């Protein structure tokens, strides 16, 4: 029985430059195909998270209104036109039951959420030492809130969405929206804003 041994050629070990270039080209093509899909998945996750937080804010403000029979705004703003505020210090100190807050005398917390990440902060609460704070969306903007302080059960949102027909008015008492990736009301045809209407 004959045995055959493979003979190795002297000086031939490893890959040639051409082989390395072919492998690198394949890797770059695969990265080019998968990266946009991965970025789209991440952006969709941010949009869903912002939608969930916006709905939680609507529920928090509605619970506050049911408890105190007024909206969490300065008493001077309770009469007249609807009020637009953001999730800055004033609103969040009320909803988070900051100690001694005159607008939440019962000290009941109406909102609970996770801490923001990063600098600048994104996607969560930044607490103050006194118990207040600010609430940021996944893109580092404060959420926007509109309240029906004239109690006509109608609000005029700051921008019209594509699916809305007729007058730019909705039958809601509280609406919340995130400015989305571009940080502007309406933005790219309002398609990048996350809204509760």
N, C-alpha and C. Protein backbone atom coordinates (compact mmCIF):
# COMPACT_ATOMS: atom_id res chain seq x y z
N UNK A 1 0.84 -1.16 0.00
CA UNK A 1 0.00 0.00 0.00
C UNK A 1 0.89 1.24 0.00
N UNK A 2 0.56 2.14 -0.91
CA UNK A 2 1.34 3.36 -1.03
C UNK A 2 0.73 4.45 -0.19
N UNK A 3 1.54 5.22 0.45
CA UNK A 3 1.06 6.40 1.17
C UNK A 3 1.60 7.62 0.45
N UNK A 4 0.70 8.58 0.33
CA UNK A 4 1.08 9.81 -0.34
C UNK A 4 1.17 10.93 0.68
N UNK A 5 2.20 11.60 0.67
CA UNK A 5 2.36 12.75 1.55
C UNK A 5 2.31 14.01 0.69
N UNK A 6 1.60 14.96 1.21
CA UNK A 6 1.57 16.23 0.51
C UNK A 6 2.86 16.97 0.77
N UNK A 7 3.43 17.36 -0.26
CA UNK A 7 4.67 18.10 -0.11
C UNK A 7 4.35 19.59 -0.03
N UNK A 8 4.94 20.23 0.91
CA UNK A 8 4.74 21.67 0.99
C UNK A 8 5.86 22.35 0.24
N UNK A 9 5.46 23.37 -0.47
CA UNK A 9 6.45 24.11 -1.24
C UNK A 9 7.17 25.07 -0.31
N UNK A 10 8.43 25.16 -0.42
CA UNK A 10 9.16 26.06 0.45
C UNK A 10 8.75 27.53 0.21
N UNK A 11 8.61 28.28 1.31
CA UNK A 11 8.28 29.70 1.20
C UNK A 11 6.78 29.97 1.03
N UNK A 12 5.93 28.94 1.07
CA UNK A 12 4.48 29.13 0.86
C UNK A 12 3.76 28.90 2.18
N UNK A 13 3.55 29.96 2.95
CA UNK A 13 2.74 29.87 4.16
C UNK A 13 1.95 31.15 4.29
N UNK A 14 0.69 31.06 4.72
CA UNK A 14 -0.15 32.25 4.87
C UNK A 14 -0.95 32.54 3.61
N UNK A 15 -1.45 33.76 3.54
CA UNK A 15 -2.30 34.17 2.43
C UNK A 15 -1.56 35.13 1.51
N UNK A 16 -1.97 35.13 0.29
CA UNK A 16 -1.39 36.10 -0.63
C UNK A 16 -2.13 37.42 -0.47
N UNK A 17 -1.55 38.46 -1.00
CA UNK A 17 -2.16 39.78 -0.94
C UNK A 17 -3.52 39.78 -1.64
N UNK A 18 -3.62 39.10 -2.73
CA UNK A 18 -4.89 39.03 -3.49
C UNK A 18 -5.96 38.35 -2.64
N UNK A 19 -5.61 37.26 -1.99
CA UNK A 19 -6.58 36.56 -1.15
C UNK A 19 -7.07 37.46 -0.01
N UNK A 20 -6.16 38.19 0.62
CA UNK A 20 -6.54 39.12 1.69
C UNK A 20 -7.45 40.22 1.18
N UNK A 21 -7.15 40.76 0.02
CA UNK A 21 -7.99 41.81 -0.56
C UNK A 21 -9.39 41.29 -0.88
N UNK A 22 -9.49 40.07 -1.37
CA UNK A 22 -10.80 39.48 -1.68
C UNK A 22 -11.62 39.31 -0.39
N UNK A 23 -11.00 38.82 0.66
CA UNK A 23 -11.69 38.63 1.94
C UNK A 23 -12.13 39.99 2.51
N UNK A 24 -11.25 40.98 2.46
CA UNK A 24 -11.61 42.31 2.97
C UNK A 24 -12.75 42.92 2.16
N UNK A 25 -12.76 42.71 0.87
CA UNK A 25 -13.83 43.24 0.02
C UNK A 25 -15.16 42.59 0.38
N UNK A 26 -15.16 41.31 0.61
CA UNK A 26 -16.39 40.60 1.00
C UNK A 26 -16.90 41.12 2.35
N UNK A 27 -16.00 41.32 3.29
CA UNK A 27 -16.39 41.84 4.61
C UNK A 27 -16.98 43.24 4.48
N UNK A 28 -16.37 44.10 3.69
CA UNK A 28 -16.88 45.46 3.49
C UNK A 28 -18.25 45.46 2.82
N UNK A 29 -18.46 44.58 1.86
CA UNK A 29 -19.77 44.49 1.20
C UNK A 29 -20.83 44.05 2.20
N UNK A 30 -20.52 43.04 3.02
CA UNK A 30 -21.47 42.57 4.03
C UNK A 30 -21.78 43.67 5.06
N UNK A 31 -20.75 44.41 5.47
CA UNK A 31 -20.97 45.50 6.42
C UNK A 31 -21.84 46.59 5.80
N UNK A 32 -21.62 46.88 4.54
CA UNK A 32 -22.41 47.90 3.85
C UNK A 32 -23.87 47.51 3.71
N UNK A 33 -24.13 46.22 3.61
CA UNK A 33 -25.51 45.74 3.48
C UNK A 33 -26.20 45.70 4.83
N UNK A 34 -25.51 45.27 5.87
CA UNK A 34 -26.16 45.08 7.18
C UNK A 34 -26.23 46.34 8.03
N UNK A 35 -25.31 47.28 7.87
CA UNK A 35 -25.30 48.48 8.72
C UNK A 35 -26.57 49.31 8.60
N UNK A 36 -27.06 49.64 7.39
CA UNK A 36 -28.30 50.42 7.31
C UNK A 36 -29.49 49.70 7.96
N UNK A 37 -29.56 48.40 7.81
CA UNK A 37 -30.66 47.65 8.42
C UNK A 37 -30.56 47.71 9.94
N UNK A 38 -29.36 47.60 10.48
CA UNK A 38 -29.17 47.67 11.94
C UNK A 38 -29.52 49.06 12.46
N UNK A 39 -29.14 50.10 11.73
CA UNK A 39 -29.46 51.47 12.14
C UNK A 39 -30.97 51.71 12.11
N UNK A 40 -31.64 51.16 11.12
CA UNK A 40 -33.10 51.30 11.02
C UNK A 40 -33.78 50.61 12.21
N UNK A 41 -33.29 49.45 12.60
CA UNK A 41 -33.84 48.73 13.75
C UNK A 41 -33.65 49.55 15.03
N UNK A 42 -32.48 50.14 15.20
CA UNK A 42 -32.21 50.97 16.38
C UNK A 42 -33.12 52.20 16.41
N UNK A 43 -33.32 52.84 15.26
CA UNK A 43 -34.18 54.03 15.20
C UNK A 43 -35.63 53.67 15.50
N UNK A 44 -36.09 52.53 14.99
CA UNK A 44 -37.45 52.07 15.28
C UNK A 44 -37.63 51.79 16.78
N UNK A 45 -36.60 51.24 17.40
CA UNK A 45 -36.67 50.98 18.85
C UNK A 45 -36.78 52.29 19.62
N UNK A 46 -36.03 53.31 19.20
CA UNK A 46 -36.12 54.62 19.85
C UNK A 46 -37.52 55.21 19.70
N UNK A 47 -38.09 55.08 18.49
CA UNK A 47 -39.44 55.61 18.23
C UNK A 47 -40.47 54.92 19.13
N UNK A 48 -40.37 53.60 19.25
CA UNK A 48 -41.32 52.86 20.10
C UNK A 48 -41.17 53.25 21.56
N UNK A 49 -39.93 53.42 22.00
CA UNK A 49 -39.69 53.83 23.38
C UNK A 49 -40.27 55.21 23.64
N UNK A 50 -40.05 56.15 22.72
CA UNK A 50 -40.58 57.50 22.87
C UNK A 50 -42.11 57.48 22.89
N UNK A 51 -42.72 56.63 22.07
CA UNK A 51 -44.18 56.52 22.05
C UNK A 51 -44.71 56.02 23.40
N UNK A 52 -44.03 55.03 23.96
CA UNK A 52 -44.44 54.48 25.26
C UNK A 52 -44.34 55.55 26.36
N UNK A 53 -43.24 56.28 26.39
CA UNK A 53 -43.06 57.32 27.41
C UNK A 53 -44.10 58.43 27.22
N UNK A 54 -44.37 58.80 25.97
CA UNK A 54 -45.38 59.84 25.71
C UNK A 54 -46.75 59.42 26.24
N UNK A 55 -47.11 58.16 26.02
CA UNK A 55 -48.40 57.66 26.53
C UNK A 55 -48.42 57.63 28.06
N UNK A 56 -47.29 57.26 28.67
CA UNK A 56 -47.19 57.27 30.13
C UNK A 56 -47.37 58.70 30.67
N UNK A 57 -46.82 59.67 29.96
CA UNK A 57 -46.97 61.07 30.38
C UNK A 57 -48.43 61.51 30.29
N UNK A 58 -49.12 61.12 29.23
CA UNK A 58 -50.56 61.44 29.11
C UNK A 58 -51.30 60.88 30.31
N UNK A 59 -51.02 59.62 30.64
CA UNK A 59 -51.68 58.99 31.79
C UNK A 59 -51.32 59.69 33.10
N UNK A 60 -50.07 60.10 33.26
CA UNK A 60 -49.63 60.78 34.48
C UNK A 60 -50.33 62.12 34.66
N UNK A 61 -50.38 62.90 33.58
CA UNK A 61 -51.04 64.21 33.65
C UNK A 61 -52.54 64.03 33.88
N UNK A 62 -53.13 63.04 33.23
CA UNK A 62 -54.57 62.78 33.43
C UNK A 62 -54.86 62.34 34.86
N UNK A 63 -53.98 61.54 35.45
CA UNK A 63 -54.15 61.13 36.84
C UNK A 63 -54.03 62.33 37.78
N UNK A 64 -53.07 63.22 37.50
CA UNK A 64 -52.94 64.44 38.29
C UNK A 64 -54.21 65.27 38.19
N UNK A 65 -54.73 65.42 36.99
CA UNK A 65 -55.93 66.23 36.77
C UNK A 65 -57.12 65.61 37.50
N UNK A 66 -57.22 64.29 37.50
CA UNK A 66 -58.32 63.61 38.21
C UNK A 66 -58.18 63.80 39.72
N UNK A 67 -56.95 63.82 40.22
CA UNK A 67 -56.70 63.97 41.65
C UNK A 67 -56.99 65.40 42.14
N UNK A 68 -56.51 66.39 41.41
CA UNK A 68 -56.58 67.78 41.89
C UNK A 68 -57.59 68.66 41.14
N UNK A 69 -58.21 68.12 40.11
CA UNK A 69 -59.20 68.86 39.31
C UNK A 69 -58.59 70.12 38.67
N UNK A 70 -57.33 70.02 38.33
CA UNK A 70 -56.65 71.08 37.59
C UNK A 70 -55.44 70.43 36.91
N UNK A 71 -54.86 71.15 35.99
CA UNK A 71 -53.69 70.63 35.28
C UNK A 71 -52.41 71.10 35.97
N UNK A 72 -51.31 70.37 35.78
CA UNK A 72 -50.05 70.74 36.43
C UNK A 72 -49.35 71.91 35.74
N UNK A 73 -49.99 73.07 35.82
CA UNK A 73 -49.41 74.31 35.28
C UNK A 73 -49.57 75.40 36.32
N UNK A 74 -48.91 76.50 36.11
CA UNK A 74 -49.02 77.66 37.00
C UNK A 74 -50.50 78.06 37.08
N UNK A 75 -50.96 78.41 38.25
CA UNK A 75 -52.39 78.75 38.45
C UNK A 75 -52.86 79.87 37.52
N UNK A 76 -51.97 80.76 37.16
CA UNK A 76 -52.35 81.84 36.24
C UNK A 76 -52.67 81.31 34.85
N UNK A 77 -52.14 80.13 34.50
CA UNK A 77 -52.36 79.56 33.18
C UNK A 77 -53.60 78.65 33.13
N UNK A 78 -54.32 78.50 34.25
CA UNK A 78 -55.47 77.60 34.29
C UNK A 78 -56.67 78.13 33.52
N UNK A 79 -56.71 79.41 33.26
CA UNK A 79 -57.85 79.98 32.56
C UNK A 79 -57.42 80.46 31.18
N UNK A 80 -58.33 80.41 30.25
CA UNK A 80 -58.02 80.94 28.93
C UNK A 80 -57.62 79.85 27.96
N UNK A 81 -56.66 80.18 27.11
CA UNK A 81 -56.26 79.27 26.03
C UNK A 81 -55.51 78.05 26.57
N UNK A 82 -55.43 77.05 25.71
CA UNK A 82 -54.68 75.84 26.06
C UNK A 82 -53.21 76.19 26.29
N UNK A 83 -52.54 75.36 27.09
CA UNK A 83 -51.15 75.64 27.48
C UNK A 83 -50.22 74.57 26.91
N UNK A 84 -49.10 75.04 26.36
CA UNK A 84 -48.05 74.13 25.90
C UNK A 84 -46.85 74.29 26.84
N UNK A 85 -46.40 73.19 27.40
CA UNK A 85 -45.22 73.20 28.28
C UNK A 85 -44.32 72.04 27.88
N UNK A 86 -43.15 71.96 28.48
CA UNK A 86 -42.28 70.82 28.21
C UNK A 86 -42.03 70.07 29.52
N UNK A 87 -41.29 68.97 29.40
CA UNK A 87 -41.04 68.14 30.58
C UNK A 87 -39.80 68.62 31.32
N UNK A 88 -39.75 69.92 31.51
CA UNK A 88 -38.65 70.53 32.26
C UNK A 88 -38.94 70.52 33.75
N UNK A 89 -38.21 71.35 34.45
CA UNK A 89 -38.24 71.41 35.92
C UNK A 89 -39.65 71.58 36.49
N UNK A 90 -40.42 72.52 35.94
CA UNK A 90 -41.71 72.85 36.53
C UNK A 90 -42.66 71.65 36.51
N UNK A 91 -42.91 71.10 35.35
CA UNK A 91 -43.86 69.99 35.22
C UNK A 91 -43.37 68.75 35.95
N UNK A 92 -42.13 68.39 35.77
CA UNK A 92 -41.65 67.14 36.35
C UNK A 92 -41.54 67.22 37.87
N UNK A 93 -41.26 68.39 38.44
CA UNK A 93 -41.22 68.48 39.90
C UNK A 93 -42.61 68.22 40.49
N UNK A 94 -43.66 68.58 39.74
CA UNK A 94 -45.03 68.30 40.19
C UNK A 94 -45.33 66.81 40.07
N UNK A 95 -45.06 66.23 38.90
CA UNK A 95 -45.39 64.82 38.67
C UNK A 95 -44.52 63.87 39.49
N UNK A 96 -43.31 64.30 39.83
CA UNK A 96 -42.41 63.45 40.63
C UNK A 96 -42.59 63.66 42.13
N UNK A 97 -43.52 64.53 42.52
CA UNK A 97 -43.82 64.81 43.93
C UNK A 97 -42.62 65.37 44.67
N UNK A 98 -42.03 66.41 44.09
CA UNK A 98 -40.94 67.09 44.77
C UNK A 98 -41.44 67.58 46.13
N UNK A 99 -40.64 67.36 47.14
CA UNK A 99 -41.05 67.71 48.51
C UNK A 99 -41.40 69.19 48.62
N UNK A 100 -42.56 69.46 49.21
CA UNK A 100 -43.00 70.83 49.44
C UNK A 100 -43.53 71.55 48.20
N UNK A 101 -43.76 70.83 47.11
CA UNK A 101 -44.26 71.48 45.89
C UNK A 101 -45.70 71.91 46.10
N UNK A 102 -45.97 73.20 45.94
CA UNK A 102 -47.30 73.75 46.19
C UNK A 102 -48.35 73.23 45.22
N UNK A 103 -47.93 72.73 44.05
CA UNK A 103 -48.88 72.22 43.07
C UNK A 103 -49.19 70.74 43.27
N UNK A 104 -48.52 70.11 44.19
CA UNK A 104 -48.78 68.71 44.52
C UNK A 104 -48.75 68.58 46.04
N UNK A 105 -49.74 69.20 46.73
CA UNK A 105 -49.70 69.23 48.20
C UNK A 105 -49.83 67.84 48.83
N UNK A 106 -50.44 66.91 48.14
CA UNK A 106 -50.57 65.56 48.68
C UNK A 106 -49.29 64.75 48.59
N UNK A 107 -48.32 65.23 47.83
CA UNK A 107 -47.04 64.53 47.71
C UNK A 107 -47.14 63.20 46.98
N UNK A 108 -48.15 63.06 46.14
CA UNK A 108 -48.35 61.80 45.40
C UNK A 108 -47.54 61.84 44.10
N UNK A 109 -46.77 60.79 43.86
CA UNK A 109 -45.98 60.72 42.64
C UNK A 109 -46.87 60.21 41.50
N UNK A 110 -46.87 60.93 40.38
CA UNK A 110 -47.69 60.56 39.24
C UNK A 110 -46.88 60.00 38.08
N UNK A 111 -45.57 60.08 38.18
CA UNK A 111 -44.73 59.55 37.10
C UNK A 111 -43.52 58.84 37.69
N UNK A 112 -43.21 57.70 37.11
CA UNK A 112 -41.97 57.00 37.48
C UNK A 112 -41.35 56.48 36.19
N UNK A 113 -40.09 56.67 36.07
CA UNK A 113 -39.40 56.23 34.86
C UNK A 113 -37.93 56.06 35.14
N UNK A 114 -37.22 55.55 34.14
CA UNK A 114 -35.80 55.29 34.29
C UNK A 114 -34.95 56.53 34.18
N UNK A 115 -33.71 56.40 34.62
CA UNK A 115 -32.76 57.49 34.56
C UNK A 115 -32.22 57.67 33.14
N UNK A 116 -31.93 58.91 32.79
CA UNK A 116 -31.35 59.22 31.49
C UNK A 116 -29.93 58.68 31.42
N UNK A 117 -29.48 58.50 30.18
CA UNK A 117 -28.12 58.01 29.95
C UNK A 117 -27.38 59.04 29.11
N UNK A 118 -26.07 59.07 29.28
CA UNK A 118 -25.23 59.88 28.43
C UNK A 118 -25.11 61.34 28.82
N UNK A 119 -24.28 62.02 28.06
CA UNK A 119 -24.09 63.45 28.25
C UNK A 119 -23.96 64.07 26.86
N UNK A 120 -24.92 64.82 26.35
CA UNK A 120 -26.12 65.28 27.02
C UNK A 120 -27.07 64.11 27.31
N UNK A 121 -27.96 64.31 28.30
CA UNK A 121 -28.84 63.22 28.71
C UNK A 121 -29.84 62.83 27.62
N UNK A 122 -30.13 61.53 27.57
CA UNK A 122 -31.08 60.98 26.60
C UNK A 122 -31.92 59.90 27.26
N UNK A 123 -33.17 59.82 26.83
CA UNK A 123 -34.03 58.69 27.13
C UNK A 123 -34.25 58.44 28.62
N UNK A 124 -34.72 59.44 29.34
CA UNK A 124 -35.06 59.21 30.74
C UNK A 124 -35.00 60.47 31.58
N UNK A 125 -35.08 60.26 32.87
CA UNK A 125 -35.12 61.35 33.85
C UNK A 125 -33.73 61.77 34.30
N UNK A 126 -33.56 63.06 34.47
CA UNK A 126 -32.39 63.61 35.15
C UNK A 126 -32.94 64.24 36.42
N UNK A 127 -32.58 63.68 37.56
CA UNK A 127 -33.11 64.14 38.84
C UNK A 127 -32.28 65.28 39.41
N UNK A 128 -32.97 66.15 40.13
CA UNK A 128 -32.32 67.21 40.89
C UNK A 128 -32.18 66.73 42.33
N UNK A 129 -31.26 67.31 43.10
CA UNK A 129 -31.13 66.93 44.51
C UNK A 129 -32.41 67.18 45.31
N UNK A 130 -33.23 68.15 44.88
CA UNK A 130 -34.45 68.47 45.63
C UNK A 130 -35.64 67.59 45.28
N UNK A 131 -35.46 66.61 44.39
CA UNK A 131 -36.54 65.69 44.05
C UNK A 131 -37.24 66.00 42.75
N UNK A 132 -36.94 67.12 42.13
CA UNK A 132 -37.51 67.44 40.82
C UNK A 132 -36.66 66.84 39.72
N UNK A 133 -36.87 67.28 38.51
CA UNK A 133 -36.05 66.76 37.42
C UNK A 133 -36.54 67.20 36.06
N UNK A 134 -35.97 66.59 35.02
CA UNK A 134 -36.34 66.84 33.63
C UNK A 134 -36.41 65.49 32.93
N UNK A 135 -37.32 65.39 31.96
CA UNK A 135 -37.51 64.13 31.22
C UNK A 135 -37.12 64.33 29.77
N UNK A 136 -36.16 63.53 29.30
CA UNK A 136 -35.64 63.64 27.94
C UNK A 136 -36.08 62.47 27.08
N UNK A 137 -36.26 62.74 25.77
CA UNK A 137 -36.59 61.68 24.82
C UNK A 137 -35.29 60.98 24.37
N UNK A 138 -35.39 59.94 23.53
CA UNK A 138 -34.19 59.22 23.11
C UNK A 138 -33.19 60.04 22.31
N UNK A 139 -33.59 61.24 21.83
CA UNK A 139 -32.69 62.08 21.04
C UNK A 139 -32.17 63.27 21.84
N UNK A 140 -32.47 63.32 23.14
CA UNK A 140 -31.95 64.38 24.00
C UNK A 140 -32.79 65.63 24.06
N UNK A 141 -34.05 65.57 23.60
CA UNK A 141 -34.96 66.72 23.67
C UNK A 141 -35.97 66.50 24.79
N UNK A 142 -36.48 67.59 25.34
CA UNK A 142 -37.57 67.47 26.31
C UNK A 142 -38.87 67.15 25.56
N UNK A 143 -39.71 66.32 26.15
CA UNK A 143 -41.03 66.05 25.56
C UNK A 143 -41.86 67.32 25.63
N UNK A 144 -42.78 67.47 24.71
CA UNK A 144 -43.69 68.61 24.67
C UNK A 144 -45.08 68.14 25.08
N UNK A 145 -45.79 68.97 25.86
CA UNK A 145 -47.10 68.61 26.39
C UNK A 145 -48.06 69.77 26.13
N UNK A 146 -49.27 69.45 25.65
CA UNK A 146 -50.30 70.46 25.51
C UNK A 146 -51.49 70.04 26.34
N UNK A 147 -52.03 71.01 27.11
CA UNK A 147 -53.10 70.75 28.07
C UNK A 147 -54.33 71.58 27.74
N UNK A 148 -55.49 70.98 27.91
CA UNK A 148 -56.77 71.63 27.64
C UNK A 148 -57.19 72.46 28.85
N UNK A 149 -56.48 73.54 29.10
CA UNK A 149 -56.76 74.36 30.28
C UNK A 149 -58.00 75.22 30.13
N UNK A 150 -58.54 75.35 28.91
CA UNK A 150 -59.81 76.07 28.76
C UNK A 150 -61.01 75.12 28.87
N UNK A 151 -60.73 73.83 29.10
CA UNK A 151 -61.74 72.80 29.36
C UNK A 151 -62.83 72.69 28.30
N UNK A 152 -62.47 72.83 27.03
CA UNK A 152 -63.45 72.63 25.96
C UNK A 152 -63.30 71.25 25.31
N UNK A 153 -62.43 70.42 25.86
CA UNK A 153 -62.17 69.04 25.40
C UNK A 153 -61.70 69.00 23.95
N UNK A 154 -60.97 70.03 23.56
CA UNK A 154 -60.38 70.09 22.23
C UNK A 154 -59.01 70.75 22.32
N UNK A 155 -58.11 70.25 21.51
CA UNK A 155 -56.77 70.85 21.43
C UNK A 155 -56.41 71.07 19.97
N UNK A 156 -55.65 72.10 19.73
CA UNK A 156 -55.11 72.35 18.39
C UNK A 156 -53.62 72.02 18.46
N UNK A 157 -53.23 70.86 17.91
CA UNK A 157 -51.81 70.48 17.98
C UNK A 157 -50.94 71.46 17.19
N UNK A 158 -49.65 71.49 17.49
CA UNK A 158 -48.75 72.46 16.86
C UNK A 158 -48.49 72.19 15.38
N UNK A 159 -48.79 71.00 14.91
CA UNK A 159 -48.62 70.68 13.50
C UNK A 159 -49.65 69.63 13.12
N UNK A 160 -50.00 69.63 11.86
CA UNK A 160 -51.01 68.71 11.35
C UNK A 160 -50.33 67.46 10.82
N UNK A 161 -50.85 66.31 11.21
CA UNK A 161 -50.31 65.05 10.71
C UNK A 161 -51.00 64.69 9.41
N UNK A 162 -50.33 63.89 8.60
CA UNK A 162 -50.82 63.55 7.26
C UNK A 162 -52.21 62.91 7.29
N UNK A 163 -52.53 62.11 8.32
CA UNK A 163 -53.80 61.41 8.34
C UNK A 163 -54.97 62.28 8.79
N UNK A 164 -54.70 63.51 9.24
CA UNK A 164 -55.76 64.38 9.74
C UNK A 164 -56.49 65.04 8.57
N UNK A 165 -57.82 65.02 8.63
CA UNK A 165 -58.65 65.61 7.59
C UNK A 165 -59.39 66.80 8.19
N UNK A 166 -59.53 67.87 7.44
CA UNK A 166 -60.28 69.02 7.92
C UNK A 166 -59.47 69.89 8.87
N UNK A 167 -60.19 70.48 9.81
CA UNK A 167 -59.59 71.41 10.78
C UNK A 167 -58.52 70.71 11.61
N UNK A 168 -57.48 71.43 11.95
CA UNK A 168 -56.38 70.89 12.74
C UNK A 168 -56.76 70.93 14.22
N UNK A 169 -57.75 70.11 14.61
CA UNK A 169 -58.24 70.09 15.98
C UNK A 169 -58.51 68.64 16.36
N UNK A 170 -58.23 68.31 17.61
CA UNK A 170 -58.48 66.94 18.06
C UNK A 170 -59.26 66.97 19.37
N UNK A 171 -60.03 65.92 19.60
CA UNK A 171 -60.87 65.83 20.80
C UNK A 171 -60.12 65.11 21.91
N UNK A 172 -59.15 65.80 22.49
CA UNK A 172 -58.37 65.25 23.60
C UNK A 172 -58.09 66.37 24.59
N UNK A 173 -57.81 65.97 25.83
CA UNK A 173 -57.51 66.97 26.86
C UNK A 173 -56.02 67.09 27.14
N UNK A 174 -55.26 66.06 26.79
CA UNK A 174 -53.80 66.07 26.99
C UNK A 174 -53.16 65.40 25.78
N UNK A 175 -52.18 66.04 25.19
CA UNK A 175 -51.38 65.40 24.15
C UNK A 175 -49.91 65.60 24.48
N UNK A 176 -49.11 64.64 24.06
CA UNK A 176 -47.66 64.68 24.30
C UNK A 176 -46.97 64.30 23.00
N UNK A 177 -45.83 64.92 22.73
CA UNK A 177 -45.06 64.53 21.56
C UNK A 177 -43.58 64.72 21.81
N UNK A 178 -42.82 63.91 21.07
CA UNK A 178 -41.36 64.04 21.04
C UNK A 178 -41.00 64.72 19.73
N UNK A 179 -40.01 65.56 19.75
CA UNK A 179 -39.60 66.26 18.54
C UNK A 179 -38.87 65.35 17.56
N UNK A 180 -38.55 64.14 17.97
CA UNK A 180 -37.92 63.18 17.07
C UNK A 180 -36.46 63.47 16.81
N UNK A 181 -35.88 62.74 15.85
CA UNK A 181 -34.44 62.86 15.58
C UNK A 181 -33.99 64.26 15.16
N UNK A 182 -34.84 65.01 14.44
CA UNK A 182 -34.39 66.33 13.97
C UNK A 182 -34.61 67.43 15.00
N UNK A 183 -35.32 67.15 16.11
CA UNK A 183 -35.51 68.12 17.18
C UNK A 183 -36.41 69.29 16.84
N UNK A 184 -37.28 69.13 15.82
CA UNK A 184 -38.16 70.23 15.40
C UNK A 184 -39.61 69.78 15.37
N UNK A 185 -40.53 70.69 15.73
CA UNK A 185 -41.95 70.43 15.56
C UNK A 185 -42.24 70.24 14.08
N UNK A 186 -43.02 69.24 13.78
CA UNK A 186 -43.35 69.01 12.37
C UNK A 186 -42.24 68.29 11.65
N UNK A 187 -41.06 68.79 11.73
CA UNK A 187 -39.90 68.13 11.16
C UNK A 187 -40.09 67.71 9.72
N UNK A 188 -39.72 66.51 9.42
CA UNK A 188 -39.78 65.95 8.08
C UNK A 188 -41.20 65.52 7.78
N UNK A 189 -42.08 66.49 7.52
CA UNK A 189 -43.48 66.16 7.26
C UNK A 189 -44.13 65.55 8.49
N UNK A 190 -43.67 65.85 9.66
CA UNK A 190 -44.15 65.32 10.93
C UNK A 190 -43.94 63.82 11.04
N UNK A 191 -43.26 63.21 10.09
CA UNK A 191 -43.10 61.76 10.13
C UNK A 191 -42.05 61.34 11.15
N UNK A 192 -41.15 62.24 11.53
CA UNK A 192 -40.14 61.85 12.51
C UNK A 192 -40.56 62.20 13.93
N UNK A 193 -41.68 62.89 14.11
CA UNK A 193 -42.17 63.21 15.45
C UNK A 193 -42.98 62.03 15.99
N UNK A 194 -42.87 61.82 17.29
CA UNK A 194 -43.64 60.75 17.95
C UNK A 194 -44.75 61.44 18.71
N UNK A 195 -46.00 61.14 18.39
CA UNK A 195 -47.13 61.85 18.97
C UNK A 195 -48.14 60.91 19.62
N UNK A 196 -49.01 61.48 20.43
CA UNK A 196 -50.09 60.68 21.04
C UNK A 196 -51.44 61.01 20.41
N UNK A 197 -51.42 61.65 19.25
CA UNK A 197 -52.70 61.90 18.57
C UNK A 197 -52.65 61.37 17.16
